[in-house]
Each structure stands twice: as structure tokens, then as C-alpha cells.
Amino acid sequence: MVLVVSEEVREALAAGRPVVALESTIIAHGLPRPRNLQVALELEEEVRQRGAVPATIAVLDGRPLVGLDKTQLKRVANEDGLRKFGHRDLPAAVATGASGATTVSATARLAALAGLRVFATGGLGGVHREWTVTQDESADLGLLARTRITVVCAGVKSLLDVPATLQRLETLGVTVAGYRTDRFPGFYLSDSGHPVEWTLRDPGEVAGVMRAQDALGADASALIVANPVPPEQQLDPELHARVLADALRACAAEGVTGQAVTPFLLGHLVRHTGGASLEANLAAVRGNVRLAAEIASAWAAG
């Protein structure tokens, strides 16, 4: 096996203790230095304070790592030119000895290979706007349709086509449930404006759905637990709507296309909200990590 699972994570899994997978893209590409390392350590501590073991995931020198030590976390946070790997990139990265942070799809894939069942992230990728022209859809969706893992997230970013993303998840057979809400969150916003069909009220209920997935012998697909950022910590909805509209116009005017669209729009939001979008992002991630640790504990309790 090329997969390298840290001793702490191996021991926790063997003992049936709760473990939470964490992605590394937010560390390498989502936050400025040195705050990115501070946040990475903070998120791991949030997991530990709730009785679970954090397993931050990345690929370093061709080795997929499930559970990073502090030296490896520092490398992910500070190394220039660190790549961003989706699940399709993993074989090439392993074969060539490359290094990179893992996106949702790569993190979910490696976590599931290691035997983890709970993964916390900020927001999922999804179907992009003007899909009929661009055919641009995140690899997250297809991967989650064939991976048995529970993903705690704050929905999808509002710069995506939210209703199309929800429709696509339904088509792919991925269960989506709101956590204590019947509305699908919009990452920076508590409510994207779209409903969800299922609401789960506590970590034990989420763990019950996970057990039912196994008992029913259902296809190996994910459970998405959509956990909204608290209303008092969300980005002001009017500011969000105005800046996003400006960002979309600027994107079209500058001819930005393909994979460059999302970083362009996110950068525009950070700059033109005075950093408020970044703070809402971090509030969402912290809440997701806390909830994931509670779900992992309920799952481990059997």
C-alpha cells in the first residue's frame, strides 16, 4: 500500500476511537500565511477538544499521508508551489513523487481508503454557472457518488449554480441532509435560498443514517450533512449579493474561464468585502469541524 497512515490515526482506528478527516487545500491555497498554519493547528485542536483524533490529509513526495505531524503541516502551509490534487491526480502524484494539498475529492478518497467515515470541510464543489456552455462540474460530485463517507460542509459556494448542484447530487444518488435546518446553506450564507428534503437533529441521528446505509447494503455513496454558518457569523446577504454580481461581471469582462474562474471570484469577494467573506468562511469551517467530531464520536459509540 502506498497510503501512509500516521501512528496516532492507526491506533485510534484499531481501538474504535473517533477520527475526523480534514482537507489540506484550505491550508495551502485558501488562506494567507502565517494565518493558514494557525488555522490548521486550531482546527485539529477543535477535533481533539471533542474527544476525536484529527487526520489532516495531503500528498508529500508521492506519499499520500492520512494524519500529518506538525512538521508536515508546516510544510503544507509554507512550501511555495505546492500543487492542488483532486482524486484523479493521485496516481500520477504517487508515481512521480509529487507534492500537493488535497481537495474534497482527493481527501474523501484517501480517507475512505484508510477506513475513516467522517470528513469535515468548508464547502463542496458543484455545478458551475453556465454549465450548458462550459460543461464545468466539480469532480467532488462524482467521487462522492461512489465513496462511503460522511461529509460535513456548509453547502456549496454561492458562486456556483446551487439548484443545479442539488439536482446533480439527487441524480447521482447522494443523500443530502440539513443539520437542524430544512434549508440548504450557501457557504458564506446560512441559507442559499433552496430547500433540502431531510433534516437531521443531532449527531446520533446522523450516525443512525450512516448505520442504515451499511445495513441496507446501498451503493457506496456519501452522506452530505449541510451545516449552516450561524446567522450572526454569515456574510451580510446584501453585501454578498452586490459583490458577487460585480465579481461575475468582472470575470466575464476579463475573459476568465475554466479553473481560473473560482479563484478569481473568491479573490474578488475577499477584496471587496474587506475580508468579511474570509471570516465567514472560517466560521463555517470551524462549525463543521466541531460537528464532524461529534458525529465521529456518535459513530464510534456504535
Protein backbone atom coordinates (compact mmCIF):
# COMPACT_ATOMS: atom_id res chain seq x y z
CA MET A 1 0.00 0.00 0.00
CA VAL A 2 1.28 3.49 -0.86
CA LEU A 3 -1.08 5.00 1.74
CA VAL A 4 0.74 6.20 4.86
CA VAL A 5 -1.50 6.41 7.94
CA SER A 6 0.00 8.12 10.98
CA GLU A 7 0.57 6.07 14.13
CA GLU A 8 -1.97 8.15 16.07
CA VAL A 9 -4.67 7.61 13.45
CA ARG A 10 -3.86 3.88 13.11
CA GLU A 11 -4.12 3.38 16.86
CA ALA A 12 -7.40 5.30 17.05
CA LEU A 13 -8.95 3.27 14.23
CA ALA A 14 -7.77 -0.01 15.77
CA ALA A 15 -9.28 0.96 19.12
CA GLY A 16 -12.55 2.12 17.59
CA ARG A 17 -11.99 5.71 18.65
CA PRO A 18 -13.45 8.61 16.61
CA VAL A 19 -11.34 10.08 13.81
CA VAL A 20 -12.13 13.10 11.59
CA ALA A 21 -10.54 13.65 8.17
CA LEU A 22 -9.52 17.21 7.28
CA GLU A 23 -8.51 18.53 3.87
CA SER A 24 -5.30 20.44 3.23
CA THR A 25 -6.26 22.72 0.33
CA ILE A 26 -7.54 25.35 2.76
CA ILE A 27 -4.06 25.37 4.34
CA ALA A 28 -2.01 25.57 1.15
CA HIS A 29 -4.32 27.60 -1.10
CA GLY A 30 -7.21 29.02 0.90
CA LEU A 31 -5.58 31.28 3.48
CA PRO A 32 -2.67 33.75 3.64
CA ARG A 33 0.50 32.94 5.55
CA PRO A 34 1.04 32.67 8.51
CA ARG A 35 -2.64 32.50 9.34
CA ASN A 36 -3.03 29.29 7.35
CA LEU A 37 -0.83 27.32 9.74
CA GLN A 38 -2.51 28.88 12.77
CA VAL A 39 -5.92 27.82 11.42
CA ALA A 40 -4.69 24.30 10.58
CA LEU A 41 -3.50 23.79 14.14
CA GLU A 42 -6.66 25.37 15.52
CA LEU A 43 -8.92 23.04 13.54
CA GLU A 44 -7.01 19.98 14.72
CA GLU A 45 -7.35 21.22 18.30
CA GLU A 46 -11.12 21.69 17.84
CA VAL A 47 -11.32 17.99 16.94
CA ARG A 48 -9.20 16.92 19.92
CA GLN A 49 -11.23 19.00 22.38
CA ARG A 50 -14.27 16.95 21.39
CA GLY A 51 -12.58 13.63 22.03
CA ALA A 52 -11.70 12.72 18.44
CA VAL A 53 -8.43 12.38 16.52
CA PRO A 54 -7.76 14.75 13.59
CA ALA A 55 -6.39 13.31 10.35
CA THR A 56 -5.29 16.11 8.04
CA ILE A 57 -4.58 14.65 4.60
CA ALA A 58 -2.04 15.64 1.94
CA VAL A 59 0.43 14.11 -0.54
CA LEU A 60 4.11 14.80 0.09
CA ASP A 61 6.88 13.43 -2.13
CA GLY A 62 4.46 10.98 -3.70
CA ARG A 63 3.26 9.63 -0.34
CA PRO A 64 -0.46 10.02 0.45
CA LEU A 65 -0.49 10.89 4.14
CA VAL A 66 -3.52 10.38 6.39
CA GLY A 67 -2.65 12.31 9.53
CA LEU A 68 0.08 14.96 9.33
CA ASP A 69 2.56 15.76 12.09
CA LYS A 70 3.46 19.38 12.86
CA THR A 71 6.49 19.37 10.57
CA GLN A 72 4.37 18.14 7.67
CA LEU A 73 1.63 20.69 8.46
CA LYS A 74 4.25 23.45 8.39
CA ARG A 75 5.48 22.22 5.03
CA VAL A 76 1.97 22.26 3.55
CA ALA A 77 1.43 25.77 4.91
CA ASN A 78 4.74 27.26 3.80
CA GLU A 79 6.08 25.43 0.73
CA ASP A 80 5.94 27.51 -2.42
CA GLY A 81 4.45 25.89 -5.49
CA LEU A 82 2.60 23.16 -3.65
CA ARG A 83 0.06 21.75 -6.09
CA LYS A 84 -3.65 21.12 -5.63
CA PHE A 85 -4.69 17.47 -6.14
CA GLY A 86 -8.13 16.11 -6.92
CA HIS A 87 -8.70 12.36 -6.78
CA ARG A 88 -7.79 11.96 -10.47
CA ASP A 89 -4.32 13.34 -9.75
CA LEU A 90 -3.42 10.83 -7.06
CA PRO A 91 -1.95 8.03 -9.24
CA ALA A 92 0.27 10.45 -11.17
CA ALA A 93 1.32 12.21 -7.96
CA VAL A 94 2.31 8.91 -6.35
CA ALA A 95 4.17 7.66 -9.42
CA THR A 96 6.15 10.89 -9.93
CA GLY A 97 6.85 11.72 -6.29
CA ALA A 98 4.89 14.98 -6.45
CA SER A 99 3.60 17.01 -3.52
CA GLY A 100 0.25 18.71 -3.17
CA ALA A 101 -2.68 19.61 -0.97
CA THR A 102 -5.83 17.54 -1.34
CA THR A 103 -9.20 18.86 -2.46
CA VAL A 104 -12.52 17.46 -1.25
CA SER A 105 -12.46 14.62 -3.77
CA ALA A 106 -8.89 13.54 -3.05
CA THR A 107 -9.34 13.87 0.71
CA ALA A 108 -12.54 11.83 0.66
CA ARG A 109 -10.88 9.16 -1.47
CA LEU A 110 -7.83 8.78 0.77
CA ALA A 111 -9.88 8.98 3.96
CA ALA A 112 -12.17 6.19 2.79
CA LEU A 113 -9.17 4.06 1.78
CA ALA A 114 -7.81 4.46 5.31
CA GLY A 115 -11.13 3.43 6.86
CA LEU A 116 -12.35 6.85 8.02
CA ARG A 117 -16.07 7.58 7.84
CA VAL A 118 -16.31 11.28 8.77
CA PHE A 119 -14.78 14.23 6.92
CA ALA A 120 -15.10 17.95 7.66
CA THR A 121 -14.59 20.64 5.03
CA GLY A 122 -15.75 24.15 4.24
CA GLY A 123 -17.86 23.86 1.10
CA LEU A 124 -18.29 21.30 -1.65
CA GLY A 125 -17.55 21.87 -5.29
CA GLY A 126 -20.54 21.73 -7.57
CA VAL A 127 -22.05 22.58 -10.93
CA HIS A 128 -20.74 25.88 -12.25
CA ARG A 129 -22.88 28.65 -13.67
CA GLU A 130 -23.49 28.43 -17.44
CA TRP A 131 -22.92 24.68 -17.32
CA THR A 132 -24.70 24.26 -20.65
CA VAL A 133 -21.88 26.23 -22.26
CA THR A 134 -18.86 25.24 -20.16
CA GLN A 135 -19.75 21.68 -19.03
CA ASP A 136 -17.86 22.63 -15.86
CA GLU A 137 -18.73 20.42 -12.89
CA SER A 138 -16.60 19.67 -9.85
CA ALA A 139 -15.07 16.21 -9.57
CA ASP A 140 -16.30 16.21 -5.97
CA LEU A 141 -19.79 15.19 -7.04
CA GLY A 142 -18.90 12.07 -9.00
CA LEU A 143 -16.41 10.91 -6.37
CA LEU A 144 -18.94 11.29 -3.56
CA ALA A 145 -21.43 9.23 -5.57
CA ARG A 146 -19.15 6.20 -5.20
CA THR A 147 -17.46 6.77 -1.83
CA ARG A 148 -18.92 5.77 1.55
CA ILE A 149 -18.07 8.74 3.72
CA THR A 150 -20.00 11.37 5.67
CA VAL A 151 -19.06 14.91 4.65
CA VAL A 152 -19.88 17.79 6.97
CA CYS A 153 -19.90 21.01 4.94
CA ALA A 154 -21.57 24.41 4.72
CA GLY A 155 -23.20 23.61 1.40
CA VAL A 156 -21.60 24.93 -1.78
CA LYS A 157 -20.22 28.36 -2.56
CA SER A 158 -22.79 30.79 -3.87
CA LEU A 159 -20.71 31.50 -6.98
CA LEU A 160 -21.84 28.05 -8.21
CA ASP A 161 -25.21 27.02 -9.63
CA VAL A 162 -26.77 25.83 -6.38
CA PRO A 163 -30.05 24.33 -7.71
CA ALA A 164 -28.20 22.53 -10.49
CA THR A 165 -25.75 21.13 -7.92
CA LEU A 166 -28.58 19.83 -5.75
CA GLN A 167 -30.24 18.28 -8.80
CA ARG A 168 -26.99 16.63 -9.80
CA LEU A 169 -26.50 15.17 -6.32
CA GLU A 170 -30.01 13.75 -6.48
CA THR A 171 -29.32 12.19 -9.88
CA LEU A 172 -26.11 10.66 -8.55
CA GLY A 173 -27.91 9.18 -5.54
CA VAL A 174 -26.04 11.17 -2.88
CA THR A 175 -28.09 11.80 0.27
CA VAL A 176 -28.16 15.45 1.36
CA ALA A 177 -29.48 16.42 4.79
CA GLY A 178 -29.60 19.76 6.54
CA TYR A 179 -28.32 19.83 10.11
CA ARG A 180 -31.10 21.35 12.21
CA THR A 181 -32.39 23.15 9.11
CA ASP A 182 -34.63 22.45 6.15
CA ARG A 183 -32.68 24.92 4.00
CA PHE A 184 -29.50 24.22 2.05
CA PRO A 185 -26.76 26.57 3.27
CA GLY A 186 -24.83 28.80 0.88
CA PHE A 187 -21.38 28.59 2.46
CA TYR A 188 -20.97 32.30 3.29
CA LEU A 189 -24.72 32.44 3.90
CA SER A 190 -26.89 30.44 6.27
CA ASP A 191 -29.49 29.92 3.55
CA SER A 192 -28.81 29.56 -0.18
CA GLY A 193 -32.50 30.04 -0.93
CA HIS A 194 -33.07 26.35 -1.68
CA PRO A 195 -34.63 23.60 0.48
CA VAL A 196 -33.36 20.17 1.46
CA GLU A 197 -35.66 17.17 1.84
CA TRP A 198 -34.14 15.76 5.02
CA THR A 199 -33.29 17.36 8.35
CA LEU A 200 -31.14 15.65 10.99
CA ARG A 201 -31.31 16.98 14.54
CA ASP A 202 -28.28 15.61 16.42
CA PRO A 203 -25.03 13.66 15.89
CA GLY A 204 -26.67 10.42 16.97
CA GLU A 205 -29.28 10.78 14.25
CA VAL A 206 -26.54 11.33 11.65
CA ALA A 207 -24.73 8.20 12.89
CA GLY A 208 -28.03 6.34 12.60
CA VAL A 209 -28.26 7.24 8.91
CA MET A 210 -24.67 6.03 8.44
CA ARG A 211 -25.52 2.69 10.04
CA ALA A 212 -28.65 2.40 7.89
CA GLN A 213 -26.52 2.97 4.78
CA ASP A 214 -24.42 -0.05 5.74
CA ALA A 215 -27.36 -2.20 6.83
CA LEU A 216 -29.26 -1.62 3.60
CA GLY A 217 -26.28 -2.59 1.50
CA ALA A 218 -26.78 0.56 -0.52
CA ASP A 219 -24.40 1.66 -3.22
CA ALA A 220 -21.19 3.14 -1.79
CA SER A 221 -22.23 6.77 -1.83
CA ALA A 222 -21.65 9.63 0.59
CA LEU A 223 -23.89 11.29 3.13
CA ILE A 224 -23.68 15.09 2.96
CA VAL A 225 -24.52 16.87 6.21
CA ALA A 226 -25.13 20.51 5.33
CA ASN A 227 -24.35 22.59 8.41
CA PRO A 228 -25.17 26.30 8.05
CA VAL A 229 -22.89 29.01 9.38
CA PRO A 230 -24.71 30.75 12.29
CA PRO A 231 -26.72 33.75 11.02
CA GLU A 232 -24.73 36.14 13.22
CA GLN A 233 -21.48 34.94 11.58
CA GLN A 234 -22.62 34.86 7.97
CA LEU A 235 -21.60 37.40 5.36
CA ASP A 236 -24.14 40.20 5.15
CA PRO A 237 -26.58 38.94 2.47
CA GLU A 238 -26.94 42.35 0.75
CA LEU A 239 -23.16 42.84 0.63
CA HIS A 240 -22.77 39.30 -0.67
CA ALA A 241 -25.30 39.77 -3.46
CA ARG A 242 -23.80 43.08 -4.59
CA VAL A 243 -20.15 41.96 -4.55
CA LEU A 244 -20.90 38.61 -6.20
CA ALA A 245 -22.76 40.35 -9.03
CA ASP A 246 -19.77 42.68 -9.50
CA ALA A 247 -17.39 39.72 -9.43
CA LEU A 248 -19.34 37.84 -12.11
CA ARG A 249 -19.35 40.91 -14.36
CA ALA A 250 -15.59 41.40 -13.85
CA CYS A 251 -14.96 37.74 -14.61
CA ALA A 252 -16.82 38.00 -17.92
CA ALA A 253 -15.20 41.32 -18.82
CA GLU A 254 -11.68 39.95 -18.26
CA GLY A 255 -12.38 36.72 -20.13
CA VAL A 256 -11.55 34.46 -17.18
CA THR A 257 -12.50 30.85 -17.94
CA GLY A 258 -12.04 27.26 -16.75
CA GLN A 259 -10.27 26.51 -13.49
CA ALA A 260 -9.31 30.18 -13.11
CA VAL A 261 -12.93 31.24 -12.52
CA THR A 262 -13.32 30.07 -8.91
CA PRO A 263 -10.06 31.61 -7.58
CA PHE A 264 -10.86 34.84 -9.43
CA LEU A 265 -14.33 35.11 -7.90
CA LEU A 266 -13.19 34.14 -4.40
CA GLY A 267 -10.37 36.67 -4.52
CA HIS A 268 -12.78 39.36 -5.64
CA LEU A 269 -15.10 38.54 -2.73
CA VAL A 270 -12.30 38.74 -0.17
CA ARG A 271 -11.01 42.07 -1.50
CA HIS A 272 -14.37 43.75 -1.95
CA THR A 273 -15.91 42.63 1.36
CA GLY A 274 -12.94 43.88 3.37
CA GLY A 275 -12.09 40.31 4.36
CA ALA A 276 -15.59 39.61 5.70
CA SER A 277 -16.06 36.69 3.29
CA LEU A 278 -12.89 35.08 4.65
CA GLU A 279 -14.15 35.40 8.22
CA ALA A 280 -17.49 33.82 7.26
CA ASN A 281 -15.53 31.05 5.52
CA LEU A 282 -13.55 30.34 8.70
CA ALA A 283 -16.65 30.45 10.88
CA ALA A 284 -18.25 27.84 8.63
CA VAL A 285 -15.19 25.59 8.69
CA ARG A 286 -14.88 25.76 12.48
CA GLY A 287 -18.52 24.83 12.92
CA ASN A 288 -18.19 21.94 10.51
CA VAL A 289 -15.11 20.57 12.26
CA ARG A 290 -16.83 20.68 15.66
CA LEU A 291 -19.91 18.92 14.33
CA ALA A 292 -17.84 16.31 12.49
CA ALA A 293 -16.03 15.43 15.72
CA GLU A 294 -19.37 14.96 17.48
CA ILE A 295 -20.68 12.79 14.64
CA ALA A 296 -17.49 10.71 14.64
CA SER A 297 -17.91 10.16 18.38
CA ALA A 298 -21.53 9.08 17.93
CA TRP A 299 -20.47 6.73 15.12
CA ALA A 300 -17.65 5.22 17.20
CA ALA A 301 -20.02 4.69 20.15
CA GLY A 302 -21.97 2.24 17.98
